[in-house]
Amino acid sequence: MQCPFCGNRTTKVLETRHIDSSFVIKRKRTCPRCKKRFTTYERIEASPIVVIKRDGSREPFDREKLKRGIIEACSKRPVSLDEIEKIVADIEKDLQSYIMEISSKELGEMVLKRLKKLDKIAYIRFLSIYQNFDSIEDFIKVIKKMKRSKVGI
């Protein structure tokens, strides 16, 4: 593994962890030359998954795109990068387990289910983008519905 800071081709692994039962391995590394530390995530490359968009077009599942969307929803929230990585890894594992194609709607529902348990504000943020909220009333409806439900806010 090459050091992202100084380009040294030799680094030392300090710690290795499997992220739950997913296909992801997290490694904390250090560079003997510049002494900086960094983290890498390794995952098994499996069969390609196709996402069917709303307009019917198809595109390959993009793990990083999914992760960016979740990071955006969790911005300035008490949600760690490890928790986000776990959501992405869990979704990816579910996808690899049983399907080759998924609609963007189903994929969004998978994210929403996990965010609702993790952080209600991140859930509402993701939902607002996912469902194209265009008014304050859209937010108010969701908040009222959540207040009435057993999950609450």
Protein backbone atom coordinates (compact mmCIF):
# COMPACT_ATOMS: atom_id res chain seq x y z
CA MET A 1 0.00 0.00 0.00
CA GLN A 2 1.39 3.38 -1.02
CA CYS A 3 1.36 6.24 1.50
CA PRO A 4 -1.10 8.92 0.29
CA PHE A 5 1.03 11.66 1.90
CA CYS A 6 4.59 10.98 0.76
CA GLY A 7 4.21 8.22 -1.85
CA ASN A 8 6.34 5.70 0.04
CA ARG A 9 5.52 2.20 -1.24
CA THR A 10 5.99 0.54 2.14
CA THR A 11 3.51 1.05 4.98
CA LYS A 12 2.87 -0.81 8.21
CA VAL A 13 -0.53 -2.17 9.26
CA LEU A 14 -1.29 -1.20 12.87
CA GLU A 15 -4.76 -2.70 13.17
CA THR A 16 -7.13 -4.76 11.04
CA ARG A 17 -10.87 -5.04 11.62
CA HIS A 18 -13.70 -6.66 9.76
CA ILE A 19 -16.66 -4.31 9.68
CA ASP A 20 -19.35 -6.57 11.13
CA SER A 21 -20.24 -9.40 8.77
CA SER A 22 -19.76 -7.32 5.64
CA PHE A 23 -17.27 -7.67 2.83
CA VAL A 24 -15.22 -4.75 4.18
CA ILE A 25 -11.90 -4.81 6.02
CA LYS A 26 -10.70 -1.65 7.75
CA ARG A 27 -6.95 -1.27 8.22
CA LYS A 28 -5.17 1.45 10.19
CA ARG A 29 -1.73 2.05 8.70
CA THR A 30 1.35 4.15 9.30
CA CYS A 31 4.13 5.25 6.99
CA PRO A 32 7.67 4.62 8.29
CA ARG A 33 9.03 7.50 6.18
CA CYS A 34 6.70 10.44 7.01
CA LYS A 35 5.20 8.89 10.20
CA LYS A 36 1.64 9.85 9.19
CA ARG A 37 -1.30 7.54 9.87
CA PHE A 38 -4.18 6.74 7.54
CA THR A 39 -7.03 4.27 7.21
CA THR A 40 -7.85 2.06 4.26
CA TYR A 41 -11.02 0.14 3.52
CA GLU A 42 -10.74 -3.03 1.49
CA ARG A 43 -13.71 -4.87 0.04
CA ILE A 44 -14.33 -7.90 -2.06
CA GLU A 45 -15.35 -7.10 -5.62
CA ALA A 46 -18.43 -9.12 -6.41
CA SER A 47 -20.88 -9.43 -9.30
CA PRO A 48 -21.95 -6.09 -10.76
CA ILE A 49 -25.30 -4.74 -9.61
CA VAL A 50 -27.40 -2.56 -11.88
CA VAL A 51 -29.52 0.32 -10.57
CA ILE A 52 -32.68 1.08 -12.55
CA LYS A 53 -33.27 4.83 -12.45
CA ARG A 54 -36.68 6.55 -12.35
CA ASP A 55 -36.54 7.24 -16.08
CA GLY A 56 -35.90 3.55 -16.80
CA SER A 57 -32.23 3.96 -17.63
CA ARG A 58 -29.73 1.62 -16.03
CA GLU A 59 -26.38 2.33 -14.46
CA PRO A 60 -23.89 0.28 -12.44
CA PHE A 61 -24.29 0.41 -8.66
CA ASP A 62 -21.84 3.03 -7.38
CA ARG A 63 -20.85 2.41 -3.80
CA GLU A 64 -19.11 5.78 -3.50
CA LYS A 65 -22.15 7.65 -4.85
CA LEU A 66 -24.31 5.95 -2.21
CA LYS A 67 -21.78 6.79 0.48
CA ARG A 68 -21.58 10.46 -0.62
CA GLY A 69 -25.38 10.77 -0.41
CA ILE A 70 -25.42 9.36 3.11
CA ILE A 71 -22.48 11.55 4.18
CA GLU A 72 -24.34 14.61 2.87
CA ALA A 73 -27.47 13.66 4.82
CA CYS A 74 -25.38 13.12 7.98
CA SER A 75 -23.43 16.37 7.64
CA LYS A 76 -23.00 18.11 11.01
CA ARG A 77 -24.80 15.25 12.76
CA PRO A 78 -23.35 12.97 15.46
CA VAL A 79 -22.84 10.14 12.97
CA SER A 80 -19.35 8.72 12.52
CA LEU A 81 -17.76 7.72 9.24
CA ASP A 82 -17.64 4.16 10.60
CA GLU A 83 -21.43 4.19 11.06
CA ILE A 84 -21.88 5.47 7.51
CA GLU A 85 -19.47 2.85 6.19
CA LYS A 86 -21.46 0.18 8.05
CA ILE A 87 -24.71 1.31 6.40
CA VAL A 88 -23.10 1.23 2.96
CA ALA A 89 -21.48 -2.16 3.62
CA ASP A 90 -24.76 -3.62 4.94
CA ILE A 91 -26.67 -2.42 1.89
CA GLU A 92 -23.98 -3.70 -0.44
CA LYS A 93 -24.01 -7.06 1.32
CA ASP A 94 -27.80 -7.27 1.01
CA LEU A 95 -27.57 -6.45 -2.69
CA GLN A 96 -24.85 -9.02 -3.32
CA SER A 97 -26.80 -11.66 -1.45
CA TYR A 98 -29.88 -11.81 -3.58
CA ILE A 99 -30.20 -9.49 -6.55
CA MET A 100 -28.48 -8.33 -9.71
CA GLU A 101 -30.78 -5.34 -10.34
CA ILE A 102 -32.50 -2.89 -8.01
CA SER A 103 -34.60 0.18 -8.63
CA SER A 104 -33.32 3.48 -7.29
CA LYS A 105 -36.56 3.61 -5.26
CA GLU A 106 -35.79 0.31 -3.51
CA LEU A 107 -32.20 1.38 -2.89
CA GLY A 108 -33.41 4.65 -1.37
CA GLU A 109 -35.80 2.74 0.88
CA MET A 110 -32.92 0.59 2.13
CA VAL A 111 -30.98 3.74 3.07
CA LEU A 112 -34.00 5.38 4.70
CA LYS A 113 -34.72 2.32 6.84
CA ARG A 114 -31.20 2.43 8.27
CA LEU A 115 -31.00 6.22 8.68
CA LYS A 116 -34.33 6.31 10.52
CA LYS A 117 -32.83 4.05 13.20
CA LEU A 118 -29.54 5.95 13.31
CA ASP A 119 -30.44 9.66 13.16
CA LYS A 120 -33.87 11.20 12.53
CA ILE A 121 -32.50 14.46 11.10
CA ALA A 122 -30.26 12.62 8.63
CA TYR A 123 -33.32 10.52 7.72
CA ILE A 124 -35.38 13.63 6.94
CA ARG A 125 -32.52 15.19 4.96
CA PHE A 126 -32.07 12.07 2.84
CA LEU A 127 -35.83 11.74 2.38
CA SER A 128 -36.10 15.37 1.23
CA ILE A 129 -33.62 14.74 -1.58
CA TYR A 130 -34.89 11.25 -2.37
CA GLN A 131 -38.51 12.43 -2.67
CA ASN A 132 -37.69 15.84 -4.19
CA PHE A 133 -39.23 17.98 -1.44
CA ASP A 134 -40.05 21.38 -2.87
CA SER A 135 -41.87 23.09 -0.01
CA ILE A 136 -41.81 23.51 3.74
CA GLU A 137 -45.14 21.67 3.86
CA ASP A 138 -43.38 18.50 2.65
CA PHE A 139 -41.07 18.65 5.67
CA ILE A 140 -43.93 19.42 8.05
CA LYS A 141 -45.92 16.39 6.81
CA VAL A 142 -43.01 14.05 7.44
CA ILE A 143 -42.30 15.49 10.89
CA LYS A 144 -45.97 15.25 11.90
CA LYS A 145 -46.12 11.67 10.65
CA MET A 146 -42.98 10.79 12.64
CA LYS A 147 -44.40 12.41 15.79
CA ARG A 148 -47.58 10.31 15.45
CA SER A 149 -45.66 7.08 14.87
CA LYS A 150 -44.18 4.92 17.59
CA VAL A 151 -40.69 5.75 16.36
CA GLY A 152 -41.12 9.42 17.20
CA ILE A 153 -38.57 12.18 16.81
